[in-house]
Amino acid sequence: MSRPSVLRTTTAKQAKSTATAVPASAVNVIPKQGEHLFDHDGVKAVIQFAQHNGQWIAEYRFRFRCGAFHAGTIPLTINSEQHANLQNALHDAACRMVQAMATATNGHRLNKRQQKAFDALTVWADQFKAAPTTVQSKPAPQSKRFLDLFSGVGGFHLAMKKTGAVCAGSVELDTSARKTYAENFPGDYVTCDDIRKAVASMFGKVDIVCGGFPCQSFSQAGDGEGFDHKDKGALFFETARLIGDLAPESFILENVEALGSHDGGKTLDTILDILTDLGYAVQTCVLNSGEFGFLANMDADTARDLREHGGHRPL
């Protein structure tokens, strides 16, 4: 089923929020004043807009659940591209949404139903006619500090180190894994044994947060408890708490493919909404390690073990 574009607006009284403490990364978020909605056969999208300091801003969210799931969200913030009129703002957001959707599905062969839904989204986005605006990118800082959550024996650390980033701290509950991590990556950084005890002040300035929050309660092979498992699934909320308090430039989170379909997709929706409400643009995709040379660079026995059992081995 499909429905035409729907415009919703919010009054000033509705948009006014109660003064409460918010994470550092959420203070720049601007309440939406209206939105255009799209829903067509597995694809849902929304373009939200607001006026800020006499200028118009617009951002998008989309969720594509045809086969493999794809999603993208960008919040309205004071850093959003500003336009002199609403038409240009909506056009800019619509163009970026279609491009993000194309990027998210790149490399995936879409069936006829999926392609039809994608084409319908493109036609819908094309209704927002205006001159596109070029967004100038800012140069990236030369040095980065990263926080390694659920660090295990250091997979994320190894990748970040190769980019020249410096470890600001690691968090890992398993004693043996912490010992292996320290042997793999000796250095002067803070170590915490439980994310529930970790606070932002421990780590100083953090540019990137990375980590794979526990997947057992989301996995197809698990018990399906999701967020209800306080020692596994619920630790996502601790991850979001630290991201909100640290306000890093970016984060990289990893989990199992079944996270996208758990509880009929509601679990992923919750995660996307929480992270977006912190003021971050969020992109998701499913990756196959075999497509990146991961298994090809291993000896045959180790590669077979990972394919069949998902085994863990020290670096």
C-alpha atoms as a PDB file:
ATOM      1  CA  MET A   1       0.000   0.000   0.000  1.00  0.00           C
ATOM      2  CA  SER A   2       1.052   3.569  -0.506  1.00  0.00           C
ATOM      3  CA  ARG A   3      -0.142   6.987   0.455  1.00  0.00           C
ATOM      4  CA  PRO A   4       0.595  10.455  -0.944  1.00  0.00           C
ATOM      5  CA  SER A   5       2.876  12.963   0.685  1.00  0.00           C
ATOM      6  CA  VAL A   6       1.495  14.158   4.010  1.00  0.00           C
ATOM      7  CA  LEU A   7       2.339  17.550   5.487  1.00  0.00           C
ATOM      8  CA  ARG A   8       2.286  17.941   9.256  1.00  0.00           C
ATOM      9  CA  THR A   9       3.016  21.118  11.155  1.00  0.00           C
ATOM     10  CA  THR A  10       3.664  21.902  14.793  1.00  0.00           C
ATOM     11  CA  THR A  11       2.467  25.036  16.555  1.00  0.00           C
ATOM     12  CA  ALA A  12       4.813  27.156  18.609  1.00  0.00           C
ATOM     13  CA  LYS A  13       3.050  26.016  21.779  1.00  0.00           C
ATOM     14  CA  GLN A  14       3.495  22.357  20.820  1.00  0.00           C
ATOM     15  CA  ALA A  15       7.129  22.820  19.885  1.00  0.00           C
ATOM     16  CA  LYS A  16       8.013  24.434  23.213  1.00  0.00           C
ATOM     17  CA  SER A  17       9.756  21.885  25.423  1.00  0.00           C
ATOM     18  CA  THR A  18      10.079  21.656  29.175  1.00  0.00           C
ATOM     19  CA  ALA A  19      13.444  22.851  30.491  1.00  0.00           C
ATOM     20  CA  THR A  20      15.287  19.696  31.547  1.00  0.00           C
ATOM     21  CA  ALA A  21      18.896  18.572  31.559  1.00  0.00           C
ATOM     22  CA  VAL A  22      19.953  17.157  28.178  1.00  0.00           C
ATOM     23  CA  PRO A  23      23.166  15.473  26.981  1.00  0.00           C
ATOM     24  CA  ALA A  24      25.842  17.772  25.583  1.00  0.00           C
ATOM     25  CA  SER A  25      25.314  16.380  22.091  1.00  0.00           C
ATOM     26  CA  ALA A  26      21.580  17.156  22.102  1.00  0.00           C
ATOM     27  CA  VAL A  27      21.697  20.868  22.959  1.00  0.00           C
ATOM     28  CA  ASN A  28      21.997  21.857  19.298  1.00  0.00           C
ATOM     29  CA  VAL A  29      18.852  19.996  18.193  1.00  0.00           C
ATOM     30  CA  ILE A  30      16.044  22.228  16.835  1.00  0.00           C
ATOM     31  CA  PRO A  31      12.386  21.125  17.245  1.00  0.00           C
ATOM     32  CA  LYS A  32      10.649  20.439  13.940  1.00  0.00           C
ATOM     33  CA  GLN A  33       7.888  22.803  12.823  1.00  0.00           C
ATOM     34  CA  GLY A  34       6.503  20.478  10.195  1.00  0.00           C
ATOM     35  CA  GLU A  35       7.208  17.406   8.086  1.00  0.00           C
ATOM     36  CA  HIS A  36       6.381  15.691   4.796  1.00  0.00           C
ATOM     37  CA  LEU A  37       5.691  11.928   5.073  1.00  0.00           C
ATOM     38  CA  PHE A  38       6.073   9.115   2.537  1.00  0.00           C
ATOM     39  CA  ASP A  39       5.043   5.448   2.942  1.00  0.00           C
ATOM     40  CA  HIS A  40       5.170   2.988   0.047  1.00  0.00           C
ATOM     41  CA  ASP A  41       5.499  -0.814   0.154  1.00  0.00           C
ATOM     42  CA  GLY A  42       8.402  -1.209   2.580  1.00  0.00           C
ATOM     43  CA  VAL A  43       9.886   2.274   2.309  1.00  0.00           C
ATOM     44  CA  LYS A  44       9.087   4.976   4.846  1.00  0.00           C
ATOM     45  CA  ALA A  45      10.563   8.465   4.673  1.00  0.00           C
ATOM     46  CA  VAL A  46      10.055  11.846   6.287  1.00  0.00           C
ATOM     47  CA  ILE A  47      11.504  15.276   5.562  1.00  0.00           C
ATOM     48  CA  GLN A  48      11.336  17.526   8.632  1.00  0.00           C
ATOM     49  CA  PHE A  49      11.783  21.289   8.553  1.00  0.00           C
ATOM     50  CA  ALA A  50      12.060  24.292  10.862  1.00  0.00           C
ATOM     51  CA  GLN A  51      13.040  27.953  10.809  1.00  0.00           C
ATOM     52  CA  HIS A  52      16.113  29.075  12.761  1.00  0.00           C
ATOM     53  CA  ASN A  53      17.411  32.648  13.026  1.00  0.00           C
ATOM     54  CA  GLY A  54      15.384  33.691  10.000  1.00  0.00           C
ATOM     55  CA  GLN A  55      16.703  30.832   7.843  1.00  0.00           C
ATOM     56  CA  TRP A  56      15.102  27.508   6.873  1.00  0.00           C
ATOM     57  CA  ILE A  57      16.586  24.067   7.522  1.00  0.00           C
ATOM     58  CA  ALA A  58      15.342  20.599   6.533  1.00  0.00           C
ATOM     59  CA  GLU A  59      16.618  17.073   7.174  1.00  0.00           C
ATOM     60  CA  TYR A  60      15.442  13.540   6.387  1.00  0.00           C
ATOM     61  CA  ARG A  61      14.865  10.074   7.804  1.00  0.00           C
ATOM     62  CA  PHE A  62      14.235   6.882   5.839  1.00  0.00           C
ATOM     63  CA  ARG A  63      13.766   3.189   6.567  1.00  0.00           C
ATOM     64  CA  PHE A  64      13.873   0.557   3.840  1.00  0.00           C
ATOM     65  CA  ARG A  65      12.768  -2.937   4.877  1.00  0.00           C
ATOM     66  CA  CYS A  66      12.703  -4.841   1.614  1.00  0.00           C
ATOM     67  CA  GLY A  67      14.922  -7.855   2.278  1.00  0.00           C
ATOM     68  CA  ALA A  68      18.065  -6.466   3.915  1.00  0.00           C
ATOM     69  CA  PHE A  69      17.270  -3.434   6.043  1.00  0.00           C
ATOM     70  CA  HIS A  70      18.690   0.014   5.404  1.00  0.00           C
ATOM     71  CA  ALA A  71      18.087   3.201   7.322  1.00  0.00           C
ATOM     72  CA  GLY A  72      19.368   6.753   7.557  1.00  0.00           C
ATOM     73  CA  THR A  73      18.535   9.641   9.857  1.00  0.00           C
ATOM     74  CA  ILE A  74      19.733  13.230  10.153  1.00  0.00           C
ATOM     75  CA  PRO A  75      18.420  15.467  12.955  1.00  0.00           C
ATOM     76  CA  LEU A  76      17.510  19.146  12.692  1.00  0.00           C
ATOM     77  CA  THR A  77      20.330  21.065  14.401  1.00  0.00           C
ATOM     78  CA  ILE A  78      21.877  24.530  14.408  1.00  0.00           C
ATOM     79  CA  ASN A  79      24.578  23.053  12.150  1.00  0.00           C
ATOM     80  CA  SER A  80      22.101  22.012   9.425  1.00  0.00           C
ATOM     81  CA  GLU A  81      22.524  23.752   6.069  1.00  0.00           C
ATOM     82  CA  GLN A  82      20.583  27.028   6.152  1.00  0.00           C
ATOM     83  CA  HIS A  83      18.497  28.371   3.255  1.00  0.00           C
ATOM     84  CA  ALA A  84      16.769  31.653   2.567  1.00  0.00           C
ATOM     85  CA  ASN A  85      13.467  29.916   1.792  1.00  0.00           C
ATOM     86  CA  LEU A  86      11.684  26.693   2.683  1.00  0.00           C
ATOM     87  CA  GLN A  87      11.564  25.442  -0.921  1.00  0.00           C
ATOM     88  CA  ASN A  88      15.360  25.330  -1.215  1.00  0.00           C
ATOM     89  CA  ALA A  89      15.674  23.651   2.186  1.00  0.00           C
ATOM     90  CA  LEU A  90      13.190  20.904   1.260  1.00  0.00           C
ATOM     91  CA  HIS A  91      14.827  20.359  -2.135  1.00  0.00           C
ATOM     92  CA  ASP A  92      18.282  20.058  -0.580  1.00  0.00           C
ATOM     93  CA  ALA A  93      17.072  17.513   2.005  1.00  0.00           C
ATOM     94  CA  ALA A  94      15.194  15.491  -0.627  1.00  0.00           C
ATOM     95  CA  CYS A  95      18.261  15.291  -2.900  1.00  0.00           C
ATOM     96  CA  ARG A  96      20.501  14.196  -0.035  1.00  0.00           C
ATOM     97  CA  MET A  97      17.957  11.596   1.065  1.00  0.00           C
ATOM     98  CA  VAL A  98      17.783   9.990  -2.394  1.00  0.00           C
ATOM     99  CA  GLN A  99      21.582   9.981  -2.605  1.00  0.00           C
ATOM    100  CA  ALA A 100      21.881   8.405   0.866  1.00  0.00           C
ATOM    101  CA  MET A 101      19.332   5.767  -0.094  1.00  0.00           C
ATOM    102  CA  ALA A 102      21.255   4.968  -3.276  1.00  0.00           C
ATOM    103  CA  THR A 103      24.493   4.699  -1.296  1.00  0.00           C
ATOM    104  CA  ALA A 104      22.890   2.443   1.325  1.00  0.00           C
ATOM    105  CA  THR A 105      21.598   0.008  -1.307  1.00  0.00           C
ATOM    106  CA  ASN A 106      24.707   0.120  -3.494  1.00  0.00           C
ATOM    107  CA  GLY A 107      25.987  -3.381  -4.128  1.00  0.00           C
ATOM    108  CA  HIS A 108      22.638  -5.016  -3.247  1.00  0.00           C
ATOM    109  CA  ARG A 109      20.611  -6.471  -6.093  1.00  0.00           C
ATOM    110  CA  LEU A 110      17.051  -5.179  -5.676  1.00  0.00           C
ATOM    111  CA  ASN A 111      14.131  -7.315  -6.814  1.00  0.00           C
ATOM    112  CA  LYS A 112      11.241  -5.813  -8.819  1.00  0.00           C
ATOM    113  CA  ARG A 113       9.241  -4.953  -5.704  1.00  0.00           C
ATOM    114  CA  GLN A 114      12.203  -3.275  -4.017  1.00  0.00           C
ATOM    115  CA  GLN A 115      13.152  -1.322  -7.149  1.00  0.00           C
ATOM    116  CA  LYS A 116       9.561  -0.173  -7.576  1.00  0.00           C
ATOM    117  CA  ALA A 117       9.521   1.138  -3.996  1.00  0.00           C
ATOM    118  CA  PHE A 118      12.858   2.903  -4.508  1.00  0.00           C
ATOM    119  CA  ASP A 119      11.607   4.486  -7.751  1.00  0.00           C
ATOM    120  CA  ALA A 120       8.441   5.669  -5.987  1.00  0.00           C
ATOM    121  CA  LEU A 121      10.564   7.373  -3.323  1.00  0.00           C
ATOM    122  CA  THR A 122      12.641   9.081  -6.025  1.00  0.00           C
ATOM    123  CA  VAL A 123       9.506  10.393  -7.761  1.00  0.00           C
ATOM    124  CA  TRP A 124       8.134  11.640  -4.440  1.00  0.00           C
ATOM    125  CA  ALA A 125      11.386  13.421  -3.595  1.00  0.00           C
ATOM    126  CA  ASP A 126      11.430  15.066  -7.035  1.00  0.00           C
ATOM    127  CA  GLN A 127       8.321  17.070  -6.173  1.00  0.00           C
ATOM    128  CA  PHE A 128      10.417  19.385  -4.005  1.00  0.00           C
ATOM    129  CA  LYS A 129      11.544  21.700  -6.781  1.00  0.00           C
ATOM    130  CA  ALA A 130      14.259  24.252  -6.037  1.00  0.00           C
ATOM    131  CA  ALA A 131      17.861  25.012  -6.894  1.00  0.00           C
ATOM    132  CA  PRO A 132      20.176  22.526  -5.096  1.00  0.00           C
ATOM    133  CA  THR A 133      22.570  23.974  -2.567  1.00  0.00           C
ATOM    134  CA  THR A 134      26.210  22.957  -2.416  1.00  0.00           C
ATOM    135  CA  VAL A 135      27.292  21.976   1.089  1.00  0.00           C
ATOM    136  CA  GLN A 136      30.920  22.807   1.795  1.00  0.00           C
ATOM    137  CA  SER A 137      32.694  20.185   3.853  1.00  0.00           C
ATOM    138  CA  LYS A 138      34.913  21.117   6.772  1.00  0.00           C
ATOM    139  CA  PRO A 139      38.470  19.775   6.937  1.00  0.00           C
ATOM    140  CA  ALA A 140      38.822  16.875   9.360  1.00  0.00           C
ATOM    141  CA  PRO A 141      41.038  17.354  12.429  1.00  0.00           C
ATOM    142  CA  GLN A 142      44.497  15.859  12.105  1.00  0.00           C
ATOM    143  CA  SER A 143      44.330  13.802  15.297  1.00  0.00           C
ATOM    144  CA  LYS A 144      41.511  11.777  16.861  1.00  0.00           C
ATOM    145  CA  ARG A 145      40.939  10.224  20.270  1.00  0.00           C
ATOM    146  CA  PHE A 146      38.676   7.168  20.433  1.00  0.00           C
ATOM    147  CA  LEU A 147      36.872   5.329  23.231  1.00  0.00           C
ATOM    148  CA  ASP A 148      36.733   1.545  22.781  1.00  0.00           C
ATOM    149  CA  LEU A 149      33.527   0.134  24.334  1.00  0.00           C
ATOM    150  CA  PHE A 150      33.018  -3.629  24.774  1.00  0.00           C
ATOM    151  CA  SER A 151      36.588  -3.731  23.558  1.00  0.00           C
ATOM    152  CA  GLY A 152      37.183  -7.501  23.648  1.00  0.00           C
ATOM    153  CA  VAL A 153      40.747  -8.187  22.553  1.00  0.00           C
ATOM    154  CA  GLY A 154      40.990  -5.039  20.426  1.00  0.00           C
ATOM    155  CA  GLY A 155      39.460  -5.375  16.953  1.00  0.00           C
ATOM    156  CA  PHE A 156      38.282  -1.769  16.868  1.00  0.00           C
ATOM    157  CA  HIS A 157      41.539  -0.599  18.464  1.00  0.00           C
ATOM    158  CA  LEU A 158      43.534  -2.230  15.675  1.00  0.00           C
ATOM    159  CA  ALA A 159      41.460  -0.497  12.992  1.00  0.00           C
ATOM    160  CA  MET A 160      41.523   2.907  14.705  1.00  0.00           C
ATOM    161  CA  LYS A 161      45.269   2.679  15.335  1.00  0.00           C
ATOM    162  CA  LYS A 162      45.847   2.149  11.615  1.00  0.00           C
ATOM    163  CA  THR A 163      44.132   5.484  10.955  1.00  0.00           C
ATOM    164  CA  GLY A 164      46.451   7.261  13.408  1.00  0.00           C
ATOM    165  CA  ALA A 165      43.858   7.633  16.168  1.00  0.00           C
ATOM    166  CA  VAL A 166      44.859   7.484  19.844  1.00  0.00           C
ATOM    167  CA  CYS A 167      43.025   5.432  22.465  1.00  0.00           C
ATOM    168  CA  ALA A 168      41.347   7.495  25.198  1.00  0.00           C
ATOM    169  CA  GLY A 169      40.107   4.432  27.072  1.00  0.00           C
ATOM    170  CA  SER A 170      38.640   0.939  26.878  1.00  0.00           C
ATOM    171  CA  VAL A 171      35.688  -0.733  28.590  1.00  0.00           C
ATOM    172  CA  GLU A 172      35.485  -4.529  28.847  1.00  0.00           C
ATOM    173  CA  LEU A 173      33.874  -6.816  31.455  1.00  0.00           C
ATOM    174  CA  ASP A 174      35.784 -10.022  30.709  1.00  0.00           C
ATOM    175  CA  THR A 175      39.023 -10.273  32.702  1.00  0.00           C
ATOM    176  CA  SER A 176      40.857 -12.471  30.194  1.00  0.00           C
ATOM    177  CA  ALA A 177      39.894 -10.208  27.306  1.00  0.00           C
ATOM    178  CA  ARG A 178      41.173  -7.148  29.186  1.00  0.00           C
ATOM    179  CA  LYS A 179      44.496  -8.901  29.785  1.00  0.00           C
ATOM    180  CA  THR A 180      44.831  -9.810  26.088  1.00  0.00           C
ATOM    181  CA  TYR A 181      43.837  -6.265  25.103  1.00  0.00           C
ATOM    182  CA  ALA A 182      46.579  -4.801  27.312  1.00  0.00           C
ATOM    183  CA  GLU A 183      49.148  -7.168  25.791  1.00  0.00           C
ATOM    184  CA  ASN A 184      48.031  -6.326  22.262  1.00  0.00           C
ATOM    185  CA  PHE A 185      47.940  -2.566  22.868  1.00  0.00           C
ATOM    186  CA  PRO A 186      50.099  -1.343  25.754  1.00  0.00           C
ATOM    187  CA  GLY A 187      49.657   2.354  26.430  1.00  0.00           C
ATOM    188  CA  ASP A 188      48.607   5.126  28.768  1.00  0.00           C
ATOM    189  CA  TYR A 189      44.811   5.033  28.550  1.00  0.00           C
ATOM    190  CA  VAL A 190      41.973   4.546  31.027  1.00  0.00           C
ATOM    191  CA  THR A 191      40.559   1.034  31.475  1.00  0.00           C
ATOM    192  CA  CYS A 192      37.109   0.337  32.945  1.00  0.00           C
ATOM    193  CA  ASP A 193      35.664  -3.116  33.676  1.00  0.00           C
ATOM    194  CA  ASP A 194      31.945  -2.277  33.424  1.00  0.00           C
ATOM    195  CA  ILE A 195      30.197   0.203  31.141  1.00  0.00           C
ATOM    196  CA  ARG A 196      27.606   0.814  33.840  1.00  0.00           C
ATOM    197  CA  LYS A 197      30.363   2.347  35.989  1.00  0.00           C
ATOM    198  CA  ALA A 198      31.930   4.363  33.167  1.00  0.00           C
ATOM    199  CA  VAL A 199      31.399   8.143  33.138  1.00  0.00           C
ATOM    200  CA  ALA A 200      32.474  10.725  30.597  1.00  0.00           C
ATOM    201  CA  SER A 201      34.915  12.464  32.955  1.00  0.00           C
ATOM    202  CA  MET A 202      37.127   9.341  33.006  1.00  0.00           C
ATOM    203  CA  PHE A 203      38.213   9.699  29.404  1.00  0.00           C
ATOM    204  CA  GLY A 204      38.682  13.402  28.691  1.00  0.00           C
ATOM    205  CA  LYS A 205      38.043  14.607  25.137  1.00  0.00           C
ATOM    206  CA  VAL A 206      36.750  11.826  22.885  1.00  0.00           C
ATOM    207  CA  ASP A 207      36.348  12.318  19.124  1.00  0.00           C
ATOM    208  CA  ILE A 208      35.045   8.844  18.228  1.00  0.00           C
ATOM    209  CA  VAL A 209      33.163   6.220  20.249  1.00  0.00           C
ATOM    210  CA  CYS A 210      33.301   2.684  18.869  1.00  0.00           C
ATOM    211  CA  GLY A 211      32.151  -0.703  20.078  1.00  0.00           C
ATOM    212  CA  GLY A 212      29.892  -3.693  19.560  1.00  0.00           C
ATOM    213  CA  PHE A 213      27.269  -3.741  22.306  1.00  0.00           C
ATOM    214  CA  PRO A 214      26.231  -7.306  23.363  1.00  0.00           C
ATOM    215  CA  CYS A 215      24.338  -9.094  20.615  1.00  0.00           C
ATOM    216  CA  GLN A 216      23.147 -12.316  22.280  1.00  0.00           C
ATOM    217  CA  SER A 217      19.644 -11.075  23.075  1.00  0.00           C
ATOM    218  CA  PHE A 218      19.165  -9.799  19.496  1.00  0.00           C
ATOM    219  CA  SER A 219      20.741 -12.734  17.632  1.00  0.00           C
ATOM    220  CA  GLN A 220      18.663 -15.396  15.885  1.00  0.00           C
ATOM    221  CA  ALA A 221      20.605 -17.947  17.935  1.00  0.00           C
ATOM    222  CA  GLY A 222      19.827 -16.135  21.206  1.00  0.00           C
ATOM    223  CA  ASP A 223      16.844 -15.970  23.515  1.00  0.00           C
ATOM    224  CA  GLY A 224      15.260 -12.930  21.851  1.00  0.00           C
ATOM    225  CA  GLU A 225      14.943 -10.914  25.060  1.00  0.00           C
ATOM    226  CA  GLY A 226      16.305  -7.770  23.394  1.00  0.00           C
ATOM    227  CA  PHE A 227      16.413  -4.721  25.659  1.00  0.00           C
ATOM    228  CA  ASP A 228      14.790  -6.720  28.484  1.00  0.00           C
ATOM    229  CA  HIS A 229      18.083  -8.510  29.209  1.00  0.00           C
ATOM    230  CA  LYS A 230      19.730  -6.120  31.687  1.00  0.00           C
ATOM    231  CA  ASP A 231      23.246  -7.542  31.222  1.00  0.00           C
ATOM    232  CA  LYS A 232      23.177  -7.733  27.428  1.00  0.00           C
ATOM    233  CA  GLY A 233      20.597  -5.943  25.262  1.00  0.00           C
ATOM    234  CA  ALA A 234      19.941  -3.180  27.807  1.00  0.00           C
ATOM    235  CA  LEU A 235      23.615  -2.168  27.677  1.00  0.00           C
ATOM    236  CA  PHE A 236      22.833  -0.294  24.467  1.00  0.00           C
ATOM    237  CA  PHE A 237      21.263   2.391  26.667  1.00  0.00           C
ATOM    238  CA  GLU A 238      24.547   2.695  28.588  1.00  0.00           C
ATOM    239  CA  THR A 239      26.309   3.126  25.251  1.00  0.00           C
ATOM    240  CA  ALA A 240      23.868   5.886  24.272  1.00  0.00           C
ATOM    241  CA  ARG A 241      24.338   7.527  27.680  1.00  0.00           C
ATOM    242  CA  LEU A 242      28.094   7.786  27.191  1.00  0.00           C
ATOM    243  CA  ILE A 243      27.707   9.034  23.608  1.00  0.00           C
ATOM    244  CA  GLY A 244      25.335  11.730  24.821  1.00  0.00           C
ATOM    245  CA  ASP A 245      27.605  12.823  27.677  1.00  0.00           C
ATOM    246  CA  LEU A 246      30.856  12.703  25.688  1.00  0.00           C
ATOM    247  CA  ALA A 247      29.385  14.364  22.576  1.00  0.00           C
ATOM    248  CA  PRO A 248      31.974  12.845  20.182  1.00  0.00           C
ATOM    249  CA  GLU A 249      32.189  13.932  16.565  1.00  0.00           C
ATOM    250  CA  SER A 250      31.088  10.457  15.478  1.00  0.00           C
ATOM    251  CA  PHE A 251      30.551   6.880  16.615  1.00  0.00           C
ATOM    252  CA  ILE A 252      30.750   3.388  15.100  1.00  0.00           C
ATOM    253  CA  LEU A 253      28.525   0.682  16.589  1.00  0.00           C
ATOM    254  CA  GLU A 254      28.473  -2.973  15.535  1.00  0.00           C
ATOM    255  CA  ASN A 255      26.001  -5.806  16.115  1.00  0.00           C
ATOM    256  CA  VAL A 256      24.418  -8.816  14.407  1.00  0.00           C
ATOM    257  CA  GLU A 257      22.287  -8.699  11.238  1.00  0.00           C
ATOM    258  CA  ALA A 258      19.195  -9.847  13.183  1.00  0.00           C
ATOM    259  CA  LEU A 259      19.208  -6.541  15.071  1.00  0.00           C
ATOM    260  CA  GLY A 260      17.393  -5.061  12.078  1.00  0.00           C
ATOM    261  CA  SER A 261      14.481  -7.510  12.271  1.00  0.00           C
ATOM    262  CA  HIS A 262      14.275  -8.060  16.049  1.00  0.00           C
ATOM    263  CA  ASP A 263      10.780  -7.423  17.438  1.00  0.00           C
ATOM    264  CA  GLY A 264       9.494  -6.685  13.963  1.00  0.00           C
ATOM    265  CA  GLY A 265      12.008  -3.852  13.459  1.00  0.00           C
ATOM    266  CA  LYS A 266      10.930  -1.959  16.592  1.00  0.00           C
ATOM    267  CA  THR A 267      14.300  -2.530  18.278  1.00  0.00           C
ATOM    268  CA  LEU A 268      16.205  -0.877  15.432  1.00  0.00           C
ATOM    269  CA  ASP A 269      13.655   1.952  15.341  1.00  0.00           C
ATOM    270  CA  THR A 270      14.292   2.610  19.041  1.00  0.00           C
ATOM    271  CA  ILE A 271      18.061   2.641  18.537  1.00  0.00           C
ATOM    272  CA  LEU A 272      17.836   4.990  15.546  1.00  0.00           C
ATOM    273  CA  ASP A 273      15.469   7.354  17.341  1.00  0.00           C
ATOM    274  CA  ILE A 274      17.626   7.543  20.481  1.00  0.00           C
ATOM    275  CA  LEU A 275      20.849   8.188  18.564  1.00  0.00           C
ATOM    276  CA  THR A 276      19.187  10.715  16.254  1.00  0.00           C
ATOM    277  CA  ASP A 277      17.659  12.551  19.214  1.00  0.00           C
ATOM    278  CA  LEU A 278      21.184  12.951  20.584  1.00  0.00           C
ATOM    279  CA  GLY A 279      21.907  15.076  17.515  1.00  0.00           C
ATOM    280  CA  TYR A 280      23.624  12.581  15.222  1.00  0.00           C
ATOM    281  CA  ALA A 281      23.087  11.573  11.605  1.00  0.00           C
ATOM    282  CA  VAL A 282      22.862   7.777  11.604  1.00  0.00           C
ATOM    283  CA  GLN A 283      23.528   5.348   8.752  1.00  0.00           C
ATOM    284  CA  THR A 284      23.113   1.558   8.981  1.00  0.00           C
ATOM    285  CA  CYS A 285      24.046  -1.321   6.694  1.00  0.00           C
ATOM    286  CA  VAL A 286      24.763  -5.050   6.789  1.00  0.00           C
ATOM    287  CA  LEU A 287      28.350  -6.040   5.941  1.00  0.00           C
ATOM    288  CA  ASN A 288      29.781  -9.436   5.033  1.00  0.00           C
ATOM    289  CA  SER A 289      33.347  -9.797   6.326  1.00  0.00           C
ATOM    290  CA  GLY A 290      34.095 -12.185   3.475  1.00  0.00           C
ATOM    291  CA  GLU A 291      33.698  -9.292   1.022  1.00  0.00           C
ATOM    292  CA  PHE A 292      36.523  -7.333   2.667  1.00  0.00           C
ATOM    293  CA  GLY A 293      39.284  -9.941   2.527  1.00  0.00           C
ATOM    294  CA  PHE A 294      38.863 -10.839   6.207  1.00  0.00           C
ATOM    295  CA  LEU A 295      38.548 -14.588   5.669  1.00  0.00           C
ATOM    296  CA  ALA A 296      40.846 -14.629   2.641  1.00  0.00           C
ATOM    297  CA  ASN A 297      43.805 -13.474   4.759  1.00  0.00           C
ATOM    298  CA  MET A 298      43.387 -16.266   7.338  1.00  0.00           C
ATOM    299  CA  ASP A 299      44.661 -19.799   7.367  1.00  0.00           C
ATOM    300  CA  ALA A 300      42.085 -22.366   6.193  1.00  0.00           C
ATOM    301  CA  ASP A 301      41.319 -23.813   9.659  1.00  0.00           C
ATOM    302  CA  THR A 302      40.663 -20.401  11.225  1.00  0.00           C
ATOM    303  CA  ALA A 303      38.488 -19.251   8.321  1.00  0.00           C
ATOM    304  CA  ARG A 304      36.427 -22.449   8.505  1.00  0.00           C
ATOM    305  CA  ASP A 305      36.014 -22.028  12.276  1.00  0.00           C
ATOM    306  CA  LEU A 306      34.679 -18.470  11.828  1.00  0.00           C
ATOM    307  CA  ARG A 307      32.306 -19.477   9.029  1.00  0.00           C
ATOM    308  CA  GLU A 308      30.864 -22.424  10.963  1.00  0.00           C
ATOM    309  CA  HIS A 309      31.031 -21.307  14.590  1.00  0.00           C
ATOM    310  CA  GLY A 310      31.775 -17.579  14.758  1.00  0.00           C
ATOM    311  CA  GLY A 311      34.778 -18.293  17.015  1.00  0.00           C
ATOM    312  CA  HIS A 312      36.806 -15.613  18.816  1.00  0.00           C
ATOM    313  CA  ARG A 313      40.596 -15.566  18.547  1.00  0.00           C
ATOM    314  CA  PRO A 314      43.245 -13.175  19.951  1.00  0.00           C
ATOM    315  CA  LEU A 315      44.757 -10.698  17.490  1.00  0.00           C
END
